Structure formats: structure tokens, C-alpha cells
Amino acid sequence: MTETYLNHPTFGLLSRICVLDEQRSLFTTLYAHRLFFIITNANGTTQFEPLTRGDAKMLVETKLRHLRREGNQTDLEQLQHIFKRTFA
């Protein structure tokens, strides 16, 4: 996983936590890790959907289970590290 950043018009720099699917990724504010967004890129537009911390945590837990089933150890370890840093 590479580090990806996106500039939000109100909240400033966002950091990607993980890719959810082909068009959606989960981002958080870079420094506080208190605001979470699903960023959707479709048809040349970017949409910001705010999430609660609990919903964001649930999405990452779901992604972790998916990576375990796939057996993708490298991505799993990286996302586990991000999960602990963000939600601990």
C-alpha cells in the first residue's frame, strides 16, 4: 500500500486508510484521525461522504477479514498497523 493524500475543501489534507473497492476509499484527517470520509471517484467527480468513527472502524475490520480470507499477508500486516495507529 502506498500513502495517498487528498485535499478536502474544508478539512484540509486527508490520508487514505484503505481502498474499499474500485471506486471508493476510506480517508481520515491527516493529523487528528477524528474525521472520516468515504471518497468516491466516479465519472470524473470526487464525492466526500462523512462517516462516524465507529462506522469507519467497522469498514476497516471488514477489509481486514477480506484480506485474511484472500491470504494477502503483506497488505494485511500493513492495514493492521494502520488500524492500530488509527483506532487504538
PDB file of N, CA and C in Angstrom:
ATOM      1  N   MET A   1       0.830  -1.172   0.000  1.00  0.00           N
ATOM      2  CA  MET A   1       0.000   0.000   0.000  1.00  0.00           C
ATOM      3  C   MET A   1       0.880   1.242   0.000  1.00  0.00           C
ATOM      4  N   THR A   2       0.531   2.161  -0.843  1.00  0.00           N
ATOM      5  CA  THR A   2       1.273   3.415  -0.871  1.00  0.00           C
ATOM      6  C   THR A   2       0.463   4.478  -0.141  1.00  0.00           C
ATOM      7  N   GLU A   3       1.160   5.472   0.367  1.00  0.00           N
ATOM      8  CA  GLU A   3       0.484   6.568   1.043  1.00  0.00           C
ATOM      9  C   GLU A   3      -0.169   7.456  -0.004  1.00  0.00           C
ATOM     10  N   THR A   4      -1.437   7.776   0.226  1.00  0.00           N
ATOM     11  CA  THR A   4      -2.192   8.613  -0.693  1.00  0.00           C
ATOM     12  C   THR A   4      -2.860   9.714   0.107  1.00  0.00           C
ATOM     13  N   TYR A   5      -2.767  10.937  -0.413  1.00  0.00           N
ATOM     14  CA  TYR A   5      -3.344  12.087   0.252  1.00  0.00           C
ATOM     15  C   TYR A   5      -4.310  12.782  -0.698  1.00  0.00           C
ATOM     16  N   LEU A   6      -5.273  13.464  -0.106  1.00  0.00           N
ATOM     17  CA  LEU A   6      -6.278  14.180  -0.872  1.00  0.00           C
ATOM     18  C   LEU A   6      -6.623  15.440  -0.106  1.00  0.00           C
ATOM     19  N   ASN A   7      -6.824  16.534  -0.821  1.00  0.00           N
ATOM     20  CA  ASN A   7      -7.154  17.789  -0.161  1.00  0.00           C
ATOM     21  C   ASN A   7      -8.665  17.972  -0.109  1.00  0.00           C
ATOM     22  N   HIS A   8      -9.202  18.074   1.098  1.00  0.00           N
ATOM     23  CA  HIS A   8     -10.625  18.324   1.305  1.00  0.00           C
ATOM     24  C   HIS A   8     -10.824  19.848   1.350  1.00  0.00           C
ATOM     25  N   PRO A   9     -11.874  20.370   0.724  1.00  0.00           N
ATOM     26  CA  PRO A   9     -12.052  21.824   0.669  1.00  0.00           C
ATOM     27  C   PRO A   9     -12.226  22.484   2.037  1.00  0.00           C
ATOM     28  N   THR A  10     -12.722  21.770   3.036  1.00  0.00           N
ATOM     29  CA  THR A  10     -12.943  22.353   4.365  1.00  0.00           C
ATOM     30  C   THR A  10     -11.948  21.838   5.402  1.00  0.00           C
ATOM     31  N   PHE A  11     -11.666  20.540   5.385  1.00  0.00           N
ATOM     32  CA  PHE A  11     -10.893  19.916   6.453  1.00  0.00           C
ATOM     33  C   PHE A  11      -9.421  19.733   6.134  1.00  0.00           C
ATOM     34  N   GLY A  12      -8.982  20.181   4.985  1.00  0.00           N
ATOM     35  CA  GLY A  12      -7.569  20.118   4.645  1.00  0.00           C
ATOM     36  C   GLY A  12      -7.130  18.746   4.161  1.00  0.00           C
ATOM     37  N   LEU A  13      -5.900  18.427   4.475  1.00  0.00           N
ATOM     38  CA  LEU A  13      -5.282  17.219   3.951  1.00  0.00           C
ATOM     39  C   LEU A  13      -5.849  15.959   4.606  1.00  0.00           C
ATOM     40  N   LEU A  14      -6.256  15.007   3.755  1.00  0.00           N
ATOM     41  CA  LEU A  14      -6.761  13.719   4.214  1.00  0.00           C
ATOM     42  C   LEU A  14      -5.773  12.631   3.814  1.00  0.00           C
ATOM     43  N   SER A  15      -5.696  11.594   4.614  1.00  0.00           N
ATOM     44  CA  SER A  15      -4.801  10.469   4.365  1.00  0.00           C
ATOM     45  C   SER A  15      -5.639   9.214   4.155  1.00  0.00           C
ATOM     46  N   ARG A  16      -5.296   8.433   3.125  1.00  0.00           N
ATOM     47  CA  ARG A  16      -6.061   7.221   2.853  1.00  0.00           C
ATOM     48  C   ARG A  16      -5.718   6.135   3.864  1.00  0.00           C
ATOM     49  N   ILE A  17      -6.764   5.522   4.422  1.00  0.00           N
ATOM     50  CA  ILE A  17      -6.599   4.382   5.320  1.00  0.00           C
ATOM     51  C   ILE A  17      -6.556   3.106   4.491  1.00  0.00           C
ATOM     52  N   CYS A  18      -7.546   2.945   3.593  1.00  0.00           N
ATOM     53  CA  CYS A  18      -7.560   1.756   2.750  1.00  0.00           C
ATOM     54  C   CYS A  18      -8.497   1.961   1.564  1.00  0.00           C
ATOM     55  N   VAL A  19      -8.293   1.132   0.556  1.00  0.00           N
ATOM     56  CA  VAL A  19      -9.171   1.081  -0.603  1.00  0.00           C
ATOM     57  C   VAL A  19     -10.309   0.129  -0.255  1.00  0.00           C
ATOM     58  N   LEU A  20     -11.541   0.569  -0.468  1.00  0.00           N
ATOM     59  CA  LEU A  20     -12.700  -0.270  -0.159  1.00  0.00           C
ATOM     60  C   LEU A  20     -13.129  -1.090  -1.369  1.00  0.00           C
ATOM     61  N   ASP A  21     -13.119  -0.487  -2.528  1.00  0.00           N
ATOM     62  CA  ASP A  21     -13.422  -1.176  -3.785  1.00  0.00           C
ATOM     63  C   ASP A  21     -12.863  -0.332  -4.924  1.00  0.00           C
ATOM     64  N   GLU A  22     -13.243  -0.632  -6.148  1.00  0.00           N
ATOM     65  CA  GLU A  22     -12.657   0.040  -7.308  1.00  0.00           C
ATOM     66  C   GLU A  22     -12.866   1.555  -7.322  1.00  0.00           C
ATOM     67  N   GLN A  23     -13.962   2.029  -6.754  1.00  0.00           N
ATOM     68  CA  GLN A  23     -14.275   3.450  -6.815  1.00  0.00           C
ATOM     69  C   GLN A  23     -14.247   4.152  -5.464  1.00  0.00           C
ATOM     70  N   ARG A  24     -14.144   3.398  -4.365  1.00  0.00           N
ATOM     71  CA  ARG A  24     -14.247   4.009  -3.039  1.00  0.00           C
ATOM     72  C   ARG A  24     -13.031   3.699  -2.173  1.00  0.00           C
ATOM     73  N   SER A  25     -12.634   4.724  -1.415  1.00  0.00           N
ATOM     74  CA  SER A  25     -11.551   4.582  -0.445  1.00  0.00           C
ATOM     75  C   SER A  25     -11.967   5.252   0.854  1.00  0.00           C
ATOM     76  N   LEU A  26     -11.380   4.796   1.958  1.00  0.00           N
ATOM     77  CA  LEU A  26     -11.628   5.385   3.267  1.00  0.00           C
ATOM     78  C   LEU A  26     -10.457   6.303   3.603  1.00  0.00           C
ATOM     79  N   PHE A  27     -10.787   7.541   3.951  1.00  0.00           N
ATOM     80  CA  PHE A  27      -9.781   8.545   4.309  1.00  0.00           C
ATOM     81  C   PHE A  27     -10.079   9.098   5.692  1.00  0.00           C
ATOM     82  N   THR A  28      -9.048   9.652   6.326  1.00  0.00           N
ATOM     83  CA  THR A  28      -9.194  10.356   7.595  1.00  0.00           C
ATOM     84  C   THR A  28      -8.384  11.644   7.547  1.00  0.00           C
ATOM     85  N   THR A  29      -8.712  12.569   8.446  1.00  0.00           N
ATOM     86  CA  THR A  29      -7.913  13.786   8.518  1.00  0.00           C
ATOM     87  C   THR A  29      -6.486  13.394   8.892  1.00  0.00           C
ATOM     88  N   LEU A  30      -5.541  14.069   8.324  1.00  0.00           N
ATOM     89  CA  LEU A  30      -4.144  13.649   8.427  1.00  0.00           C
ATOM     90  C   LEU A  30      -3.616  13.625   9.854  1.00  0.00           C
ATOM     91  N   TYR A  31      -3.882  14.659  10.631  1.00  0.00           N
ATOM     92  CA  TYR A  31      -3.237  14.751  11.929  1.00  0.00           C
ATOM     93  C   TYR A  31      -4.102  14.269  13.086  1.00  0.00           C
ATOM     94  N   ALA A  32      -5.371  14.582  13.097  1.00  0.00           N
ATOM     95  CA  ALA A  32      -6.206  14.262  14.248  1.00  0.00           C
ATOM     96  C   ALA A  32      -6.785  12.855  14.196  1.00  0.00           C
ATOM     97  N   HIS A  33      -6.985  12.290  13.013  1.00  0.00           N
ATOM     98  CA  HIS A  33      -7.617  10.975  12.846  1.00  0.00           C
ATOM     99  C   HIS A  33      -8.964  10.929  13.567  1.00  0.00           C
ATOM    100  N   ARG A  34      -9.720  12.024  13.474  1.00  0.00           N
ATOM    101  CA  ARG A  34     -11.020  12.091  14.137  1.00  0.00           C
ATOM    102  C   ARG A  34     -12.178  12.184  13.164  1.00  0.00           C
ATOM    103  N   LEU A  35     -11.908  12.666  11.976  1.00  0.00           N
ATOM    104  CA  LEU A  35     -12.950  12.778  10.960  1.00  0.00           C
ATOM    105  C   LEU A  35     -12.654  11.768   9.863  1.00  0.00           C
ATOM    106  N   PHE A  36     -13.690  11.066   9.431  1.00  0.00           N
ATOM    107  CA  PHE A  36     -13.523  10.015   8.437  1.00  0.00           C
ATOM    108  C   PHE A  36     -14.454  10.262   7.258  1.00  0.00           C
ATOM    109  N   PHE A  37     -13.986   9.869   6.071  1.00  0.00           N
ATOM    110  CA  PHE A  37     -14.746  10.084   4.848  1.00  0.00           C
ATOM    111  C   PHE A  37     -14.598   8.886   3.924  1.00  0.00           C
ATOM    112  N   ILE A  38     -15.678   8.530   3.247  1.00  0.00           N
ATOM    113  CA  ILE A  38     -15.575   7.636   2.102  1.00  0.00           C
ATOM    114  C   ILE A  38     -15.457   8.560   0.898  1.00  0.00           C
ATOM    115  N   ILE A  39     -14.402   8.374   0.139  1.00  0.00           N
ATOM    116  CA  ILE A  39     -14.176   9.166  -1.062  1.00  0.00           C
ATOM    117  C   ILE A  39     -14.524   8.297  -2.253  1.00  0.00           C
ATOM    118  N   THR A  40     -15.448   8.781  -3.074  1.00  0.00           N
ATOM    119  CA  THR A  40     -15.877   8.056  -4.258  1.00  0.00           C
ATOM    120  C   THR A  40     -15.424   8.825  -5.490  1.00  0.00           C
ATOM    121  N   ASN A  41     -14.722   8.137  -6.371  1.00  0.00           N
ATOM    122  CA  ASN A  41     -14.305   8.718  -7.650  1.00  0.00           C
ATOM    123  C   ASN A  41     -15.050   7.997  -8.751  1.00  0.00           C
ATOM    124  N   ALA A  42     -16.021   8.673  -9.329  1.00  0.00           N
ATOM    125  CA  ALA A  42     -16.814   8.072 -10.400  1.00  0.00           C
ATOM    126  C   ALA A  42     -17.154   9.141 -11.427  1.00  0.00           C
ATOM    127  N   ASN A  43     -17.041   8.775 -12.670  1.00  0.00           N
ATOM    128  CA  ASN A  43     -17.393   9.678 -13.773  1.00  0.00           C
ATOM    129  C   ASN A  43     -16.670  11.013 -13.693  1.00  0.00           C
ATOM    130  N   GLY A  44     -15.436  10.996 -13.254  1.00  0.00           N
ATOM    131  CA  GLY A  44     -14.628  12.208 -13.199  1.00  0.00           C
ATOM    132  C   GLY A  44     -14.955  13.139 -12.046  1.00  0.00           C
ATOM    133  N   THR A  45     -15.802  12.730 -11.128  1.00  0.00           N
ATOM    134  CA  THR A  45     -16.126  13.562  -9.973  1.00  0.00           C
ATOM    135  C   THR A  45     -15.688  12.872  -8.689  1.00  0.00           C
ATOM    136  N   THR A  46     -15.372  13.674  -7.703  1.00  0.00           N
ATOM    137  CA  THR A  46     -14.978  13.162  -6.396  1.00  0.00           C
ATOM    138  C   THR A  46     -16.044  13.564  -5.394  1.00  0.00           C
ATOM    139  N   GLN A  47     -16.548  12.581  -4.654  1.00  0.00           N
ATOM    140  CA  GLN A  47     -17.560  12.850  -3.638  1.00  0.00           C
ATOM    141  C   GLN A  47     -17.013  12.493  -2.266  1.00  0.00           C
ATOM    142  N   PHE A  48     -17.312  13.328  -1.278  1.00  0.00           N
ATOM    143  CA  PHE A  48     -16.889  13.137   0.101  1.00  0.00           C
ATOM    144  C   PHE A  48     -18.114  12.770   0.930  1.00  0.00           C
ATOM    145  N   GLU A  49     -18.104  11.586   1.534  1.00  0.00           N
ATOM    146  CA  GLU A  49     -19.207  11.153   2.393  1.00  0.00           C
ATOM    147  C   GLU A  49     -18.671  11.001   3.814  1.00  0.00           C
ATOM    148  N   PRO A  50     -19.087  11.862   4.746  1.00  0.00           N
ATOM    149  CA  PRO A  50     -18.583  11.753   6.124  1.00  0.00           C
ATOM    150  C   PRO A  50     -19.098  10.498   6.813  1.00  0.00           C
ATOM    151  N   LEU A  51     -18.266   9.966   7.717  1.00  0.00           N
ATOM    152  CA  LEU A  51     -18.596   8.764   8.486  1.00  0.00           C
ATOM    153  C   LEU A  51     -18.296   9.000   9.957  1.00  0.00           C
ATOM    154  N   THR A  52     -18.970   8.249  10.800  1.00  0.00           N
ATOM    155  CA  THR A  52     -18.606   8.264  12.218  1.00  0.00           C
ATOM    156  C   THR A  52     -17.345   7.413  12.399  1.00  0.00           C
ATOM    157  N   ARG A  53     -16.701   7.600  13.514  1.00  0.00           N
ATOM    158  CA  ARG A  53     -15.514   6.801  13.832  1.00  0.00           C
ATOM    159  C   ARG A  53     -15.879   5.317  13.908  1.00  0.00           C
ATOM    160  N   GLY A  54     -17.022   5.008  14.502  1.00  0.00           N
ATOM    161  CA  GLY A  54     -17.460   3.619  14.617  1.00  0.00           C
ATOM    162  C   GLY A  54     -17.707   2.972  13.266  1.00  0.00           C
ATOM    163  N   ASP A  55     -18.335   3.705  12.352  1.00  0.00           N
ATOM    164  CA  ASP A  55     -18.578   3.170  11.009  1.00  0.00           C
ATOM    165  C   ASP A  55     -17.270   2.966  10.255  1.00  0.00           C
ATOM    166  N   ALA A  56     -16.344   3.910  10.415  1.00  0.00           N
ATOM    167  CA  ALA A  56     -15.041   3.775   9.747  1.00  0.00           C
ATOM    168  C   ALA A  56     -14.291   2.556  10.289  1.00  0.00           C
ATOM    169  N   LYS A  57     -14.332   2.368  11.596  1.00  0.00           N
ATOM    170  CA  LYS A  57     -13.666   1.218  12.212  1.00  0.00           C
ATOM    171  C   LYS A  57     -14.271  -0.082  11.694  1.00  0.00           C
ATOM    172  N   MET A  58     -15.590  -0.128  11.571  1.00  0.00           N
ATOM    173  CA  MET A  58     -16.258  -1.319  11.069  1.00  0.00           C
ATOM    174  C   MET A  58     -15.845  -1.622   9.624  1.00  0.00           C
ATOM    175  N   LEU A  59     -15.714  -0.591   8.791  1.00  0.00           N
ATOM    176  CA  LEU A  59     -15.282  -0.804   7.409  1.00  0.00           C
ATOM    177  C   LEU A  59     -13.865  -1.383   7.348  1.00  0.00           C
ATOM    178  N   VAL A  60     -12.976  -0.878   8.204  1.00  0.00           N
ATOM    179  CA  VAL A  60     -11.600  -1.381   8.213  1.00  0.00           C
ATOM    180  C   VAL A  60     -11.565  -2.816   8.729  1.00  0.00           C
ATOM    181  N   GLU A  61     -12.362  -3.130   9.744  1.00  0.00           N
ATOM    182  CA  GLU A  61     -12.423  -4.507  10.238  1.00  0.00           C
ATOM    183  C   GLU A  61     -12.925  -5.453   9.141  1.00  0.00           C
ATOM    184  N   THR A  62     -13.890  -5.010   8.372  1.00  0.00           N
ATOM    185  CA  THR A  62     -14.395  -5.819   7.255  1.00  0.00           C
ATOM    186  C   THR A  62     -13.300  -6.029   6.216  1.00  0.00           C
ATOM    187  N   LYS A  63     -12.552  -4.981   5.922  1.00  0.00           N
ATOM    188  CA  LYS A  63     -11.452  -5.096   4.956  1.00  0.00           C
ATOM    189  C   LYS A  63     -10.377  -6.049   5.479  1.00  0.00           C
ATOM    190  N   LEU A  64     -10.084  -5.993   6.782  1.00  0.00           N
ATOM    191  CA  LEU A  64      -9.101  -6.908   7.374  1.00  0.00           C
ATOM    192  C   LEU A  64      -9.548  -8.363   7.218  1.00  0.00           C
ATOM    193  N   ARG A  65     -10.825  -8.637   7.471  1.00  0.00           N
ATOM    194  CA  ARG A  65     -11.339 -10.005   7.300  1.00  0.00           C
ATOM    195  C   ARG A  65     -11.210 -10.453   5.846  1.00  0.00           C
ATOM    196  N   HIS A  66     -11.492  -9.552   4.927  1.00  0.00           N
ATOM    197  CA  HIS A  66     -11.372  -9.862   3.499  1.00  0.00           C
ATOM    198  C   HIS A  66      -9.923 -10.207   3.133  1.00  0.00           C
ATOM    199  N   LEU A  67      -8.973  -9.434   3.642  1.00  0.00           N
ATOM    200  CA  LEU A  67      -7.559  -9.691   3.352  1.00  0.00           C
ATOM    201  C   LEU A  67      -7.104 -11.017   3.964  1.00  0.00           C
ATOM    202  N   ARG A  68      -7.613 -11.356   5.148  1.00  0.00           N
ATOM    203  CA  ARG A  68      -7.273 -12.645   5.763  1.00  0.00           C
ATOM    204  C   ARG A  68      -7.759 -13.802   4.898  1.00  0.00           C
ATOM    205  N   ARG A  69      -8.996 -13.688   4.401  1.00  0.00           N
ATOM    206  CA  ARG A  69      -9.554 -14.752   3.546  1.00  0.00           C
ATOM    207  C   ARG A  69      -8.761 -14.895   2.253  1.00  0.00           C
ATOM    208  N   GLU A  70      -8.307 -13.770   1.696  1.00  0.00           N
ATOM    209  CA  GLU A  70      -7.520 -13.812   0.456  1.00  0.00           C
ATOM    210  C   GLU A  70      -6.119 -14.352   0.690  1.00  0.00           C
ATOM    211  N   GLY A  71      -5.630 -14.248   1.900  1.00  0.00           N
ATOM    212  CA  GLY A  71      -4.274 -14.688   2.207  1.00  0.00           C
ATOM    213  C   GLY A  71      -3.215 -13.680   1.809  1.00  0.00           C
ATOM    214  N   ASN A  72      -3.612 -12.434   1.655  1.00  0.00           N
ATOM    215  CA  ASN A  72      -2.690 -11.370   1.268  1.00  0.00           C
ATOM    216  C   ASN A  72      -1.991 -10.841   2.523  1.00  0.00           C
ATOM    217  N   GLN A  73      -0.925 -11.515   2.923  1.00  0.00           N
ATOM    218  CA  GLN A  73      -0.255 -11.241   4.196  1.00  0.00           C
ATOM    219  C   GLN A  73       0.368  -9.850   4.258  1.00  0.00           C
ATOM    220  N   THR A  74       0.974  -9.396   3.185  1.00  0.00           N
ATOM    221  CA  THR A  74       1.637  -8.086   3.194  1.00  0.00           C
ATOM    222  C   THR A  74       0.632  -6.962   3.416  1.00  0.00           C
ATOM    223  N   ASP A  75      -0.444  -6.948   2.622  1.00  0.00           N
ATOM    224  CA  ASP A  75      -1.465  -5.909   2.782  1.00  0.00           C
ATOM    225  C   ASP A  75      -2.159  -6.033   4.137  1.00  0.00           C
ATOM    226  N   LEU A  76      -2.360  -7.252   4.608  1.00  0.00           N
ATOM    227  CA  LEU A  76      -2.986  -7.473   5.904  1.00  0.00           C
ATOM    228  C   LEU A  76      -2.152  -6.854   7.019  1.00  0.00           C
ATOM    229  N   GLU A  77      -0.859  -7.108   7.023  1.00  0.00           N
ATOM    230  CA  GLU A  77       0.018  -6.562   8.060  1.00  0.00           C
ATOM    231  C   GLU A  77       0.048  -5.042   8.023  1.00  0.00           C
ATOM    232  N   GLN A  78       0.087  -4.472   6.814  1.00  0.00           N
ATOM    233  CA  GLN A  78       0.099  -3.016   6.690  1.00  0.00           C
ATOM    234  C   GLN A  78      -1.196  -2.405   7.215  1.00  0.00           C
ATOM    235  N   LEU A  79      -2.331  -3.017   6.862  1.00  0.00           N
ATOM    236  CA  LEU A  79      -3.611  -2.480   7.312  1.00  0.00           C
ATOM    237  C   LEU A  79      -3.797  -2.688   8.816  1.00  0.00           C
ATOM    238  N   GLN A  80      -3.286  -3.786   9.364  1.00  0.00           N
ATOM    239  CA  GLN A  80      -3.349  -3.993  10.822  1.00  0.00           C
ATOM    240  C   GLN A  80      -2.582  -2.891  11.548  1.00  0.00           C
ATOM    241  N   HIS A  81      -1.437  -2.521  11.010  1.00  0.00           N
ATOM    242  CA  HIS A  81      -0.639  -1.442  11.605  1.00  0.00           C
ATOM    243  C   HIS A  81      -1.418  -0.121  11.550  1.00  0.00           C
ATOM    244  N   ILE A  82      -2.007   0.177  10.412  1.00  0.00           N
ATOM    245  CA  ILE A  82      -2.802   1.405  10.257  1.00  0.00           C
ATOM    246  C   ILE A  82      -3.993   1.375  11.207  1.00  0.00           C
ATOM    247  N   PHE A  83      -4.653   0.215  11.307  1.00  0.00           N
ATOM    248  CA  PHE A  83      -5.813   0.066  12.200  1.00  0.00           C
ATOM    249  C   PHE A  83      -5.430   0.382  13.643  1.00  0.00           C
ATOM    250  N   LYS A  84      -4.329  -0.195  14.120  1.00  0.00           N
ATOM    251  CA  LYS A  84      -3.889   0.036  15.498  1.00  0.00           C
ATOM    252  C   LYS A  84      -3.540   1.493  15.729  1.00  0.00           C
ATOM    253  N   ARG A  85      -2.855   2.111  14.777  1.00  0.00           N
ATOM    254  CA  ARG A  85      -2.463   3.506  14.897  1.00  0.00           C
ATOM    255  C   ARG A  85      -3.677   4.437  14.889  1.00  0.00           C
ATOM    256  N   THR A  86      -4.697   4.097  14.110  1.00  0.00           N
ATOM    257  CA  THR A  86      -5.844   4.975  13.933  1.00  0.00           C
ATOM    258  C   THR A  86      -6.917   4.775  15.000  1.00  0.00           C
ATOM    259  N   PHE A  87      -7.187   3.529  15.382  1.00  0.00           N
ATOM    260  CA  PHE A  87      -8.322   3.248  16.245  1.00  0.00           C
ATOM    261  C   PHE A  87      -7.970   2.806  17.659  1.00  0.00           C
ATOM    262  N   ALA A  88      -6.695   2.704  17.988  1.00  0.00           N
ATOM    263  CA  ALA A  88      -6.307   2.260  19.329  1.00  0.00           C
ATOM    264  C   ALA A  88      -6.533   3.334  20.379  1.00  0.00           C
TER     265      ALA A  88
END
